[in-house]
Amino acid sequence: MHPLKHPRNAMIVGLVFVAAGAVFWAWPTIAGGYLEPAGLTLLVLLGVAMSVMAYVLVAGSPRD
């Protein structure tokens, strides 16, 4: 049995930041501006970290 009823909820938290990274990449590409690669990398990695953190916090919560 999986410790979470809906583990996809933890993934959705991380996908919000990955979506922000996609917008951060797409806007300068469409508008012809400069893409900051460090910012894009950090947003994607922040999404991964947030989804893992949400999973750990929910999995460690008591089931009362």
Protein backbone atom coordinates (compact mmCIF):
# COMPACT_ATOMS: atom_id res chain seq x y z
CA MET A 1 0.00 0.00 0.00
CA HIS A 2 1.33 3.41 -0.96
CA PRO A 3 1.72 5.85 1.96
CA LEU A 4 -0.24 8.54 0.09
CA LYS A 5 -3.79 8.35 -1.21
CA HIS A 6 -2.90 10.59 -4.13
CA PRO A 7 0.87 10.85 -4.71
CA ARG A 8 0.20 12.86 -7.85
CA ASN A 9 -0.59 15.87 -5.63
CA ALA A 10 3.05 16.08 -4.59
CA MET A 11 4.07 15.99 -8.24
CA ILE A 12 1.63 18.80 -9.08
CA VAL A 13 3.38 21.08 -6.56
CA GLY A 14 6.65 20.58 -8.42
CA LEU A 15 5.07 20.97 -11.84
CA VAL A 16 4.02 24.51 -10.97
CA PHE A 17 7.68 25.51 -10.81
CA VAL A 18 8.55 23.53 -13.93
CA ALA A 19 5.74 25.39 -15.74
CA ALA A 20 7.17 28.68 -14.50
CA GLY A 21 10.53 27.60 -15.92
CA ALA A 22 8.87 26.84 -19.28
CA VAL A 23 7.36 30.33 -19.38
CA PHE A 24 10.72 31.79 -18.34
CA TRP A 25 12.27 29.98 -21.32
CA ALA A 26 9.50 30.64 -23.86
CA TRP A 27 9.02 34.37 -23.34
CA PRO A 28 12.55 35.50 -24.31
CA THR A 29 12.59 32.96 -27.13
CA ILE A 30 9.36 34.33 -28.62
CA ALA A 31 10.14 37.99 -27.94
CA GLY A 32 13.72 37.72 -29.18
CA GLY A 33 15.31 38.64 -25.86
CA TYR A 34 18.08 37.09 -23.81
CA LEU A 35 17.52 33.78 -22.04
CA GLU A 36 19.12 33.51 -18.61
CA PRO A 37 20.19 29.82 -18.44
CA ALA A 38 20.98 29.93 -14.72
CA GLY A 39 17.46 31.12 -13.88
CA LEU A 40 15.88 28.43 -16.03
CA THR A 41 18.02 25.72 -14.44
CA LEU A 42 17.23 26.91 -10.93
CA LEU A 43 13.48 27.02 -11.59
CA VAL A 44 13.47 23.45 -12.92
CA LEU A 45 15.55 22.21 -9.99
CA LEU A 46 13.31 24.11 -7.57
CA GLY A 47 10.35 22.22 -9.03
CA VAL A 48 12.04 18.89 -8.42
CA ALA A 49 12.99 19.87 -4.87
CA MET A 50 9.49 21.14 -4.05
CA SER A 51 7.82 17.97 -5.29
CA VAL A 52 10.18 15.78 -3.25
CA MET A 53 9.65 17.98 -0.20
CA ALA A 54 5.86 17.84 -0.57
CA TYR A 55 6.00 14.05 -0.88
CA VAL A 56 8.18 13.69 2.22
CA LEU A 57 6.02 16.02 4.31
CA VAL A 58 2.78 14.28 3.36
CA ALA A 59 4.25 10.79 3.72
CA GLY A 60 5.57 11.62 7.19
CA SER A 61 2.32 13.15 8.43
CA PRO A 62 0.23 11.19 10.93
CA ARG A 63 -2.97 9.65 9.59
CA ASP A 64 -5.21 10.90 12.42
